[in-house]
Amino acid sequence: MKHILFLIVFFCTFTVFGQEKSEVNLLTSDASWGKEIIRMPLHFAPEIPYKGVEELRFSPDWSKQDKDGYWTYAFVWDVDLDKKLTATHLETDLQYYFDGLMDGVNKDKGKVLPKTIAFILKKETPTENADFVGKLQVYNSFHTRDIMILYCTVKQYYCKEKQRSMVLFRFSPKPFEHTIWKELNAIRLKKKPCEDS
């Protein structure tokens, strides 16, 4: 009986997740980039208070340390964020995000991981691709088990009428002038939060 109950729960969970994954489609990217959907609040960073969904896109070379696309990815939060973000908000959210993520995948049990350091600046003249630019010092639990530097841009699309935001993040260990940022900047929202379906 327990075995049958487990199978029912497993298949129901798989069906729900599969439907959620196919229905959420917020970003455009090259077909070779990987996709993942996570519900928010994030299970690995519950301190980030927003409710909604996160959609991620990973470079096909995300895990290949000798490639330009290593650790290069983007994600968007489609959330109930009813205010404009500040650099301080983003620094705090990114620290929670990466500390929780790296702790969750850490295989060195008992090891106290170095905390993420985030430095975010608001751009004086926001561009199509970014309102904020920044640099993060992050412990890489996935591959090197060492500190790495990530460059990032953040663009918030805020809809006052719906009291919602879509916040697009892009990350790479490569500096902004590297050609990989052309690929990252090609990842765009399919529609902004105030636009009708």
N, C-alpha and C. Protein backbone atom coordinates (compact mmCIF):
# COMPACT_ATOMS: atom_id res chain seq x y z
N MET A 1 0.83 -1.21 0.00
CA MET A 1 0.00 0.00 0.00
C MET A 1 0.86 1.26 0.00
N LYS A 2 1.92 1.26 0.86
CA LYS A 2 2.82 2.43 0.91
C LYS A 2 3.48 2.65 -0.44
N HIS A 3 3.83 1.54 -1.12
CA HIS A 3 4.49 1.63 -2.43
C HIS A 3 3.55 2.29 -3.45
N ILE A 4 2.28 1.87 -3.44
CA ILE A 4 1.30 2.44 -4.37
C ILE A 4 1.09 3.93 -4.08
N LEU A 5 0.98 4.28 -2.78
CA LEU A 5 0.80 5.67 -2.39
C LEU A 5 1.98 6.53 -2.86
N PHE A 6 3.20 6.00 -2.70
CA PHE A 6 4.39 6.71 -3.15
C PHE A 6 4.33 6.97 -4.66
N LEU A 7 3.96 5.95 -5.44
CA LEU A 7 3.89 6.09 -6.89
C LEU A 7 2.85 7.14 -7.30
N ILE A 8 1.70 7.14 -6.62
CA ILE A 8 0.66 8.13 -6.93
C ILE A 8 1.18 9.54 -6.68
N VAL A 9 1.80 9.75 -5.50
CA VAL A 9 2.34 11.07 -5.16
C VAL A 9 3.43 11.47 -6.15
N PHE A 10 4.32 10.52 -6.51
CA PHE A 10 5.41 10.80 -7.44
C PHE A 10 4.88 11.26 -8.79
N PHE A 11 3.92 10.49 -9.35
CA PHE A 11 3.40 10.84 -10.68
C PHE A 11 2.59 12.12 -10.68
N CYS A 12 1.86 12.39 -9.60
CA CYS A 12 1.13 13.65 -9.48
C CYS A 12 2.10 14.82 -9.44
N THR A 13 3.16 14.68 -8.65
CA THR A 13 4.17 15.74 -8.55
C THR A 13 4.84 15.96 -9.90
N PHE A 14 5.21 14.86 -10.58
CA PHE A 14 5.87 14.96 -11.88
C PHE A 14 4.96 15.64 -12.89
N THR A 15 3.66 15.27 -12.89
CA THR A 15 2.71 15.86 -13.83
C THR A 15 2.55 17.36 -13.58
N VAL A 16 2.40 17.75 -12.32
CA VAL A 16 2.24 19.16 -11.99
C VAL A 16 3.48 19.94 -12.40
N PHE A 17 4.68 19.41 -12.08
CA PHE A 17 5.92 20.11 -12.43
C PHE A 17 6.06 20.22 -13.94
N GLY A 18 5.73 19.13 -14.65
CA GLY A 18 5.84 19.15 -16.11
C GLY A 18 4.93 20.20 -16.72
N GLN A 19 3.70 20.32 -16.21
CA GLN A 19 2.78 21.33 -16.72
C GLN A 19 3.30 22.72 -16.41
N GLU A 20 3.79 22.92 -15.19
CA GLU A 20 4.31 24.23 -14.80
C GLU A 20 5.47 24.63 -15.69
N LYS A 21 6.34 23.67 -16.00
CA LYS A 21 7.53 23.97 -16.79
C LYS A 21 7.15 24.38 -18.20
N SER A 22 6.13 23.72 -18.78
CA SER A 22 5.76 24.05 -20.15
C SER A 22 4.94 25.34 -20.21
N GLU A 23 4.20 25.66 -19.17
CA GLU A 23 3.35 26.85 -19.20
C GLU A 23 4.14 28.14 -18.96
N VAL A 24 5.19 28.08 -18.15
CA VAL A 24 5.97 29.27 -17.85
C VAL A 24 7.02 29.43 -18.94
N ASN A 25 6.95 30.55 -19.65
CA ASN A 25 7.88 30.81 -20.74
C ASN A 25 8.08 32.32 -20.84
N LEU A 26 8.94 32.83 -19.98
CA LEU A 26 9.08 34.28 -19.83
C LEU A 26 10.21 34.88 -20.66
N LEU A 27 11.21 34.05 -21.02
CA LEU A 27 12.42 34.56 -21.66
C LEU A 27 12.60 33.99 -23.06
N THR A 28 13.26 34.76 -23.91
CA THR A 28 13.71 34.26 -25.20
C THR A 28 15.21 34.04 -25.11
N SER A 29 15.69 32.94 -25.68
CA SER A 29 17.12 32.67 -25.71
C SER A 29 17.40 31.71 -26.84
N ASP A 30 18.67 31.56 -27.15
CA ASP A 30 19.11 30.56 -28.12
C ASP A 30 18.60 29.19 -27.66
N ALA A 31 18.19 28.36 -28.60
CA ALA A 31 17.61 27.06 -28.26
C ALA A 31 18.59 26.14 -27.54
N SER A 32 19.88 26.40 -27.65
CA SER A 32 20.87 25.54 -27.00
C SER A 32 21.00 25.82 -25.50
N TRP A 33 20.43 26.94 -25.04
CA TRP A 33 20.53 27.29 -23.61
C TRP A 33 19.54 26.47 -22.81
N GLY A 34 19.99 25.98 -21.64
CA GLY A 34 19.13 25.20 -20.77
C GLY A 34 18.09 26.06 -20.07
N LYS A 35 17.00 25.43 -19.63
CA LYS A 35 15.91 26.15 -18.98
C LYS A 35 15.51 25.45 -17.70
N GLU A 36 15.18 26.24 -16.70
CA GLU A 36 14.68 25.69 -15.44
C GLU A 36 13.67 26.66 -14.85
N ILE A 37 12.67 26.13 -14.16
CA ILE A 37 11.63 26.94 -13.52
C ILE A 37 11.63 26.62 -12.03
N ILE A 38 11.59 27.66 -11.19
CA ILE A 38 11.53 27.46 -9.73
C ILE A 38 10.46 28.39 -9.16
N ARG A 39 9.62 27.86 -8.31
CA ARG A 39 8.62 28.68 -7.63
C ARG A 39 9.28 29.54 -6.55
N MET A 40 8.73 30.73 -6.34
CA MET A 40 9.20 31.62 -5.29
C MET A 40 8.08 31.81 -4.27
N PRO A 41 8.44 31.94 -2.97
CA PRO A 41 9.78 32.06 -2.40
C PRO A 41 10.63 30.82 -2.70
N LEU A 42 11.92 31.07 -2.90
CA LEU A 42 12.87 30.03 -3.25
C LEU A 42 13.13 29.13 -2.05
N HIS A 43 13.11 27.83 -2.26
CA HIS A 43 13.33 26.88 -1.15
C HIS A 43 14.72 27.04 -0.55
N PHE A 44 15.70 27.45 -1.35
CA PHE A 44 17.06 27.57 -0.83
C PHE A 44 17.37 28.98 -0.30
N ALA A 45 16.48 29.93 -0.54
CA ALA A 45 16.68 31.30 -0.04
C ALA A 45 15.34 31.89 0.40
N PRO A 46 14.72 31.32 1.44
CA PRO A 46 13.39 31.78 1.87
C PRO A 46 13.39 33.20 2.42
N GLU A 47 14.58 33.76 2.70
CA GLU A 47 14.65 35.13 3.20
C GLU A 47 14.24 36.15 2.13
N ILE A 48 14.34 35.76 0.85
CA ILE A 48 13.88 36.64 -0.23
C ILE A 48 12.36 36.54 -0.25
N PRO A 49 11.65 37.63 0.05
CA PRO A 49 10.23 37.53 0.41
C PRO A 49 9.24 37.46 -0.75
N TYR A 50 9.69 37.52 -1.99
CA TYR A 50 8.76 37.67 -3.11
C TYR A 50 8.09 36.35 -3.47
N LYS A 51 6.83 36.46 -3.94
CA LYS A 51 6.07 35.30 -4.40
C LYS A 51 5.91 35.40 -5.91
N GLY A 52 6.09 34.26 -6.57
CA GLY A 52 5.97 34.23 -8.01
C GLY A 52 6.76 33.07 -8.58
N VAL A 53 7.53 33.36 -9.63
CA VAL A 53 8.28 32.31 -10.31
C VAL A 53 9.62 32.86 -10.79
N GLU A 54 10.62 31.98 -10.81
CA GLU A 54 11.92 32.29 -11.39
C GLU A 54 12.13 31.38 -12.59
N GLU A 55 12.49 31.99 -13.73
CA GLU A 55 12.86 31.21 -14.91
C GLU A 55 14.33 31.46 -15.20
N LEU A 56 15.10 30.38 -15.36
CA LEU A 56 16.54 30.48 -15.59
C LEU A 56 16.89 29.99 -16.99
N ARG A 57 17.94 30.57 -17.57
CA ARG A 57 18.52 30.10 -18.83
C ARG A 57 20.03 29.98 -18.65
N PHE A 58 20.56 28.79 -18.95
CA PHE A 58 21.98 28.49 -18.75
C PHE A 58 22.70 28.35 -20.09
N SER A 59 23.89 28.92 -20.19
CA SER A 59 24.74 28.67 -21.34
C SER A 59 24.97 27.17 -21.48
N PRO A 60 25.05 26.66 -22.71
CA PRO A 60 25.35 25.23 -22.88
C PRO A 60 26.72 24.86 -22.31
N ASP A 61 27.58 25.84 -22.10
CA ASP A 61 28.91 25.60 -21.53
C ASP A 61 28.99 25.97 -20.05
N TRP A 62 27.84 26.07 -19.39
CA TRP A 62 27.79 26.55 -18.01
C TRP A 62 28.73 25.80 -17.07
N SER A 63 28.88 24.50 -17.23
CA SER A 63 29.70 23.70 -16.32
C SER A 63 31.10 23.41 -16.84
N LYS A 64 31.46 23.98 -18.00
CA LYS A 64 32.77 23.71 -18.61
C LYS A 64 33.74 24.84 -18.31
N GLN A 65 34.67 24.59 -17.40
CA GLN A 65 35.54 25.63 -16.88
C GLN A 65 36.47 26.24 -17.93
N ASP A 66 36.73 25.53 -19.01
CA ASP A 66 37.64 26.05 -20.04
C ASP A 66 36.92 26.78 -21.17
N LYS A 67 35.61 26.99 -21.03
CA LYS A 67 34.81 27.63 -22.08
C LYS A 67 34.36 29.02 -21.66
N ASP A 68 34.09 29.88 -22.64
CA ASP A 68 33.64 31.25 -22.36
C ASP A 68 32.29 31.30 -21.66
N GLY A 69 31.47 30.28 -21.90
CA GLY A 69 30.13 30.27 -21.30
C GLY A 69 30.08 29.69 -19.89
N TYR A 70 31.24 29.38 -19.33
CA TYR A 70 31.28 28.83 -17.97
C TYR A 70 30.59 29.77 -16.99
N TRP A 71 29.70 29.22 -16.20
CA TRP A 71 28.93 29.94 -15.17
C TRP A 71 28.20 31.17 -15.72
N THR A 72 27.87 31.12 -16.99
CA THR A 72 27.16 32.21 -17.64
C THR A 72 25.68 31.84 -17.73
N TYR A 73 24.85 32.65 -17.11
CA TYR A 73 23.42 32.36 -17.13
C TYR A 73 22.61 33.61 -16.79
N ALA A 74 21.31 33.49 -17.00
CA ALA A 74 20.39 34.59 -16.70
C ALA A 74 19.16 34.01 -16.04
N PHE A 75 18.50 34.85 -15.26
CA PHE A 75 17.18 34.45 -14.75
C PHE A 75 16.32 35.68 -14.56
N VAL A 76 15.02 35.45 -14.59
CA VAL A 76 14.05 36.52 -14.35
C VAL A 76 13.15 36.09 -13.20
N TRP A 77 12.86 37.06 -12.33
CA TRP A 77 11.85 36.87 -11.30
C TRP A 77 10.57 37.56 -11.78
N ASP A 78 9.48 36.83 -11.87
CA ASP A 78 8.16 37.40 -12.14
C ASP A 78 7.41 37.33 -10.81
N VAL A 79 7.39 38.46 -10.08
CA VAL A 79 7.01 38.42 -8.67
C VAL A 79 6.10 39.59 -8.26
N ASP A 80 5.57 39.45 -7.05
CA ASP A 80 4.68 40.46 -6.46
C ASP A 80 5.49 41.58 -5.80
N LEU A 81 6.44 42.11 -6.50
CA LEU A 81 7.30 43.17 -5.99
C LEU A 81 6.70 44.50 -6.42
N ASP A 82 6.17 45.26 -5.44
CA ASP A 82 5.39 46.46 -5.76
C ASP A 82 6.14 47.75 -5.50
N LYS A 83 7.46 47.72 -5.66
CA LYS A 83 8.26 48.93 -5.47
C LYS A 83 9.50 48.84 -6.33
N LYS A 84 10.12 49.99 -6.54
CA LYS A 84 11.37 50.02 -7.29
C LYS A 84 12.50 49.52 -6.39
N LEU A 85 13.33 48.68 -6.95
CA LEU A 85 14.47 48.14 -6.22
C LEU A 85 15.58 49.19 -6.08
N THR A 86 16.34 49.05 -5.02
CA THR A 86 17.54 49.87 -4.84
C THR A 86 18.76 48.95 -4.91
N ALA A 87 19.93 49.54 -5.03
CA ALA A 87 21.16 48.75 -5.04
C ALA A 87 21.30 47.96 -3.75
N THR A 88 20.91 48.57 -2.63
CA THR A 88 20.99 47.88 -1.33
C THR A 88 20.08 46.67 -1.28
N HIS A 89 18.84 46.80 -1.79
CA HIS A 89 17.91 45.65 -1.86
C HIS A 89 18.55 44.51 -2.66
N LEU A 90 19.11 44.85 -3.80
CA LEU A 90 19.68 43.83 -4.67
C LEU A 90 20.89 43.16 -4.04
N GLU A 91 21.73 43.93 -3.38
CA GLU A 91 22.89 43.34 -2.70
C GLU A 91 22.43 42.31 -1.67
N THR A 92 21.42 42.67 -0.89
CA THR A 92 20.90 41.77 0.14
C THR A 92 20.28 40.52 -0.48
N ASP A 93 19.42 40.71 -1.49
CA ASP A 93 18.77 39.58 -2.14
C ASP A 93 19.79 38.63 -2.77
N LEU A 94 20.81 39.17 -3.42
CA LEU A 94 21.81 38.33 -4.08
C LEU A 94 22.69 37.59 -3.06
N GLN A 95 22.94 38.23 -1.94
CA GLN A 95 23.69 37.54 -0.88
C GLN A 95 22.87 36.34 -0.35
N TYR A 96 21.58 36.56 -0.08
CA TYR A 96 20.72 35.46 0.35
C TYR A 96 20.67 34.36 -0.72
N TYR A 97 20.53 34.78 -1.97
CA TYR A 97 20.38 33.86 -3.09
C TYR A 97 21.59 32.93 -3.20
N PHE A 98 22.77 33.51 -3.32
CA PHE A 98 23.96 32.69 -3.55
C PHE A 98 24.42 31.96 -2.30
N ASP A 99 24.26 32.55 -1.13
CA ASP A 99 24.60 31.82 0.10
C ASP A 99 23.72 30.58 0.25
N GLY A 100 22.42 30.74 -0.01
CA GLY A 100 21.50 29.61 0.09
C GLY A 100 21.76 28.56 -0.97
N LEU A 101 21.99 29.00 -2.20
CA LEU A 101 22.26 28.08 -3.30
C LEU A 101 23.53 27.27 -3.05
N MET A 102 24.61 27.95 -2.69
CA MET A 102 25.88 27.25 -2.51
C MET A 102 25.86 26.34 -1.28
N ASP A 103 25.15 26.75 -0.26
CA ASP A 103 25.02 25.89 0.91
C ASP A 103 24.21 24.65 0.57
N GLY A 104 23.19 24.82 -0.27
CA GLY A 104 22.33 23.70 -0.66
C GLY A 104 23.04 22.64 -1.47
N VAL A 105 24.01 23.02 -2.29
CA VAL A 105 24.71 22.04 -3.13
C VAL A 105 26.08 21.65 -2.56
N ASN A 106 26.44 22.24 -1.42
CA ASN A 106 27.74 21.96 -0.80
C ASN A 106 27.84 20.49 -0.39
N LYS A 107 28.90 19.83 -0.84
CA LYS A 107 29.11 18.42 -0.50
C LYS A 107 30.10 18.24 0.65
N ASP A 108 30.77 19.31 1.05
CA ASP A 108 31.71 19.24 2.17
C ASP A 108 30.95 19.49 3.47
N LYS A 109 30.28 18.47 3.95
CA LYS A 109 29.43 18.62 5.12
C LYS A 109 30.24 19.09 6.33
N GLY A 110 29.68 20.04 7.04
CA GLY A 110 30.36 20.60 8.21
C GLY A 110 31.23 21.79 7.87
N LYS A 111 31.49 22.01 6.58
CA LYS A 111 32.32 23.14 6.18
C LYS A 111 31.50 24.43 6.24
N VAL A 112 32.05 25.46 6.87
CA VAL A 112 31.40 26.77 6.89
C VAL A 112 31.85 27.51 5.64
N LEU A 113 30.91 27.80 4.77
CA LEU A 113 31.24 28.43 3.49
C LEU A 113 31.43 29.93 3.64
N PRO A 114 32.36 30.50 2.86
CA PRO A 114 32.50 31.96 2.86
C PRO A 114 31.21 32.61 2.38
N LYS A 115 30.85 33.72 2.97
CA LYS A 115 29.63 34.43 2.60
C LYS A 115 29.82 35.19 1.28
N THR A 116 28.74 35.31 0.55
CA THR A 116 28.74 36.09 -0.68
C THR A 116 28.91 37.57 -0.36
N ILE A 117 29.71 38.23 -1.17
CA ILE A 117 29.85 39.69 -1.08
C ILE A 117 29.32 40.26 -2.40
N ALA A 118 28.32 41.13 -2.33
CA ALA A 118 27.73 41.72 -3.52
C ALA A 118 27.93 43.23 -3.50
N PHE A 119 28.36 43.75 -4.64
CA PHE A 119 28.53 45.20 -4.80
C PHE A 119 27.76 45.62 -6.04
N ILE A 120 26.66 46.34 -5.85
CA ILE A 120 25.76 46.72 -6.94
C ILE A 120 25.69 48.25 -7.03
N LEU A 121 25.73 48.75 -8.25
CA LEU A 121 25.62 50.19 -8.49
C LEU A 121 24.45 50.47 -9.42
N LYS A 122 23.68 51.52 -9.10
CA LYS A 122 22.62 51.97 -10.01
C LYS A 122 23.25 52.79 -11.11
N LYS A 123 22.87 52.51 -12.35
CA LYS A 123 23.43 53.26 -13.47
C LYS A 123 22.78 54.64 -13.52
N GLU A 124 23.58 55.64 -13.79
CA GLU A 124 23.05 57.01 -13.90
C GLU A 124 22.05 57.12 -15.05
N THR A 125 22.36 56.49 -16.15
CA THR A 125 21.45 56.48 -17.29
C THR A 125 21.14 55.03 -17.63
N PRO A 126 20.03 54.50 -17.12
CA PRO A 126 19.69 53.10 -17.38
C PRO A 126 19.60 52.82 -18.88
N THR A 127 20.02 51.63 -19.28
CA THR A 127 19.97 51.24 -20.68
C THR A 127 18.89 50.20 -20.87
N GLU A 128 18.74 49.77 -22.10
CA GLU A 128 17.76 48.73 -22.39
C GLU A 128 18.09 47.45 -21.62
N ASN A 129 19.39 47.21 -21.39
CA ASN A 129 19.81 45.95 -20.78
C ASN A 129 20.02 46.01 -19.27
N ALA A 130 20.16 47.19 -18.68
CA ALA A 130 20.47 47.22 -17.25
C ALA A 130 20.12 48.54 -16.59
N ASP A 131 19.55 48.43 -15.38
CA ASP A 131 19.40 49.57 -14.49
C ASP A 131 20.56 49.58 -13.49
N PHE A 132 21.10 48.37 -13.24
CA PHE A 132 22.16 48.20 -12.25
C PHE A 132 23.28 47.34 -12.85
N VAL A 133 24.48 47.58 -12.40
CA VAL A 133 25.61 46.71 -12.73
C VAL A 133 26.29 46.34 -11.42
N GLY A 134 26.98 45.21 -11.42
CA GLY A 134 27.62 44.82 -10.17
C GLY A 134 28.63 43.72 -10.33
N LYS A 135 29.18 43.38 -9.20
CA LYS A 135 30.22 42.36 -9.10
C LYS A 135 29.97 41.59 -7.81
N LEU A 136 30.08 40.28 -7.88
CA LEU A 136 29.86 39.44 -6.70
C LEU A 136 31.06 38.54 -6.46
N GLN A 137 31.36 38.34 -5.20
CA GLN A 137 32.35 37.35 -4.80
C GLN A 137 31.56 36.20 -4.19
N VAL A 138 31.63 35.04 -4.86
CA VAL A 138 30.76 33.91 -4.53
C VAL A 138 31.61 32.66 -4.35
N TYR A 139 31.24 31.83 -3.39
CA TYR A 139 31.88 30.53 -3.24
C TYR A 139 31.22 29.56 -4.22
N ASN A 140 32.01 28.89 -5.04
CA ASN A 140 31.49 27.99 -6.07
C ASN A 140 31.44 26.55 -5.55
N SER A 141 30.31 26.17 -4.97
CA SER A 141 30.13 24.80 -4.45
C SER A 141 29.94 23.79 -5.57
N PHE A 142 29.57 24.25 -6.76
CA PHE A 142 29.27 23.33 -7.86
C PHE A 142 30.52 22.68 -8.43
N HIS A 143 31.59 23.46 -8.63
CA HIS A 143 32.74 22.95 -9.38
C HIS A 143 34.06 23.05 -8.63
N THR A 144 34.55 24.27 -8.43
CA THR A 144 35.92 24.46 -7.96
C THR A 144 36.06 24.39 -6.44
N ARG A 145 34.94 24.58 -5.73
CA ARG A 145 34.96 24.69 -4.26
C ARG A 145 35.96 25.76 -3.84
N ASP A 146 35.83 26.90 -4.48
CA ASP A 146 36.69 28.05 -4.22
C ASP A 146 35.91 29.32 -4.55
N ILE A 147 36.50 30.45 -4.19
CA ILE A 147 35.87 31.75 -4.47
C ILE A 147 35.96 32.07 -5.96
N MET A 148 34.89 32.64 -6.50
CA MET A 148 34.92 33.14 -7.88
C MET A 148 34.27 34.52 -7.92
N ILE A 149 34.58 35.26 -8.97
CA ILE A 149 33.98 36.58 -9.19
C ILE A 149 32.95 36.45 -10.30
N LEU A 150 31.76 37.00 -10.08
CA LEU A 150 30.72 37.07 -11.10
C LEU A 150 30.40 38.53 -11.38
N TYR A 151 30.35 38.88 -12.65
CA TYR A 151 29.85 40.19 -13.07
C TYR A 151 28.36 40.04 -13.31
N CYS A 152 27.60 41.10 -13.03
CA CYS A 152 26.15 40.97 -13.24
C CYS A 152 25.53 42.29 -13.67
N THR A 153 24.41 42.16 -14.36
CA THR A 153 23.54 43.30 -14.65
C THR A 153 22.15 42.94 -14.17
N VAL A 154 21.38 43.96 -13.81
CA VAL A 154 20.00 43.75 -13.33
C VAL A 154 19.11 44.81 -13.96
N LYS A 155 17.96 44.37 -14.47
CA LYS A 155 16.98 45.29 -15.04
C LYS A 155 15.62 44.97 -14.44
N GLN A 156 14.99 45.97 -13.80
CA GLN A 156 13.66 45.79 -13.24
C GLN A 156 12.62 46.41 -14.16
N TYR A 157 11.59 45.63 -14.46
CA TYR A 157 10.42 46.12 -15.19
C TYR A 157 9.28 46.13 -14.18
N TYR A 158 8.85 47.32 -13.80
CA TYR A 158 7.85 47.46 -12.73
C TYR A 158 6.53 47.93 -13.33
N CYS A 159 5.45 47.26 -12.94
CA CYS A 159 4.11 47.64 -13.40
C CYS A 159 3.31 48.12 -12.20
N LYS A 160 3.14 49.42 -12.11
CA LYS A 160 2.42 50.02 -10.98
C LYS A 160 0.96 49.56 -10.94
N GLU A 161 0.32 49.45 -12.11
CA GLU A 161 -1.09 49.06 -12.17
C GLU A 161 -1.32 47.66 -11.61
N LYS A 162 -0.42 46.74 -11.90
CA LYS A 162 -0.56 45.36 -11.44
C LYS A 162 0.20 45.08 -10.15
N GLN A 163 0.98 46.07 -9.69
CA GLN A 163 1.79 45.89 -8.49
C GLN A 163 2.69 44.65 -8.62
N ARG A 164 3.29 44.51 -9.81
CA ARG A 164 4.16 43.37 -10.09
C ARG A 164 5.45 43.86 -10.73
N SER A 165 6.46 43.02 -10.63
CA SER A 165 7.74 43.31 -11.26
C SER A 165 8.28 42.07 -11.94
N MET A 166 9.03 42.31 -13.00
CA MET A 166 9.87 41.29 -13.59
C MET A 166 11.29 41.83 -13.48
N VAL A 167 12.16 41.05 -12.85
CA VAL A 167 13.54 41.50 -12.61
C VAL A 167 14.46 40.52 -13.33
N LEU A 168 15.19 41.05 -14.32
CA LEU A 168 16.04 40.23 -15.17
C LEU A 168 17.50 40.38 -14.73
N PHE A 169 18.10 39.25 -14.36
CA PHE A 169 19.50 39.20 -13.92
C PHE A 169 20.32 38.47 -14.97
N ARG A 170 21.54 38.95 -15.21
CA ARG A 170 22.49 38.26 -16.09
C ARG A 170 23.82 38.15 -15.36
N PHE A 171 24.49 36.97 -15.47
CA PHE A 171 25.73 36.73 -14.74
C PHE A 171 26.77 36.06 -15.63
N SER A 172 28.03 36.43 -15.40
CA SER A 172 29.15 35.72 -16.01
C SER A 172 30.43 36.06 -15.26
N PRO A 173 31.38 35.12 -15.19
CA PRO A 173 32.69 35.46 -14.64
C PRO A 173 33.51 36.31 -15.61
N LYS A 174 33.05 36.42 -16.85
CA LYS A 174 33.75 37.23 -17.85
C LYS A 174 33.36 38.70 -17.68
N PRO A 175 34.33 39.63 -17.81
CA PRO A 175 34.02 41.06 -17.70
C PRO A 175 33.03 41.51 -18.78
N PHE A 176 32.41 42.66 -18.56
CA PHE A 176 31.33 43.14 -19.44
C PHE A 176 31.77 43.33 -20.89
N GLU A 177 33.03 43.60 -21.13
CA GLU A 177 33.50 43.83 -22.51
C GLU A 177 33.71 42.52 -23.28
N HIS A 178 33.62 41.36 -22.61
CA HIS A 178 33.80 40.08 -23.28
C HIS A 178 32.62 39.79 -24.21
N THR A 179 32.89 39.07 -25.29
CA THR A 179 31.84 38.79 -26.28
C THR A 179 30.69 37.94 -25.73
N ILE A 180 30.91 37.19 -24.65
CA ILE A 180 29.83 36.37 -24.09
C ILE A 180 28.64 37.24 -23.66
N TRP A 181 28.91 38.52 -23.36
CA TRP A 181 27.82 39.40 -22.95
C TRP A 181 26.88 39.74 -24.11
N LYS A 182 27.32 39.57 -25.34
CA LYS A 182 26.39 39.72 -26.47
C LYS A 182 25.33 38.62 -26.41
N GLU A 183 25.78 37.41 -26.08
CA GLU A 183 24.82 36.30 -25.93
C GLU A 183 23.90 36.52 -24.75
N LEU A 184 24.46 36.98 -23.64
CA LEU A 184 23.64 37.24 -22.45
C LEU A 184 22.62 38.34 -22.71
N ASN A 185 23.05 39.41 -23.36
CA ASN A 185 22.14 40.53 -23.61
C ASN A 185 21.08 40.20 -24.65
N ALA A 186 21.28 39.11 -25.39
CA ALA A 186 20.26 38.66 -26.35
C ALA A 186 19.11 37.95 -25.65
N ILE A 187 19.30 37.57 -24.39
CA ILE A 187 18.22 36.96 -23.61
C ILE A 187 17.29 38.09 -23.14
N ARG A 188 16.04 38.01 -23.55
CA ARG A 188 15.10 39.10 -23.29
C ARG A 188 13.78 38.56 -22.78
N LEU A 189 13.00 39.47 -22.22
CA LEU A 189 11.64 39.12 -21.79
C LEU A 189 10.75 38.95 -23.02
N LYS A 190 9.85 37.98 -22.95
CA LYS A 190 8.87 37.82 -24.03
C LYS A 190 7.85 38.95 -23.97
N LYS A 191 7.50 39.36 -22.76
CA LYS A 191 6.60 40.52 -22.58
C LYS A 191 6.84 41.12 -21.22
N LYS A 192 6.57 42.39 -21.11
CA LYS A 192 6.78 43.11 -19.85
C LYS A 192 5.52 43.01 -18.99
N PRO A 193 5.64 43.25 -17.67
CA PRO A 193 4.51 42.95 -16.77
C PRO A 193 3.24 43.75 -17.03
N CYS A 194 3.33 44.95 -17.61
CA CYS A 194 2.11 45.72 -17.89
C CYS A 194 1.49 45.37 -19.23
N GLU A 195 2.19 44.57 -20.04
CA GLU A 195 1.64 44.20 -21.33
C GLU A 195 0.64 43.08 -21.18
N ASP A 196 -0.44 43.13 -21.96
CA ASP A 196 -1.47 42.09 -21.91
C ASP A 196 -0.95 40.82 -22.55
N SER A 197 -1.53 39.69 -22.14
CA SER A 197 -1.13 38.39 -22.71
C SER A 197 -1.46 38.33 -24.18
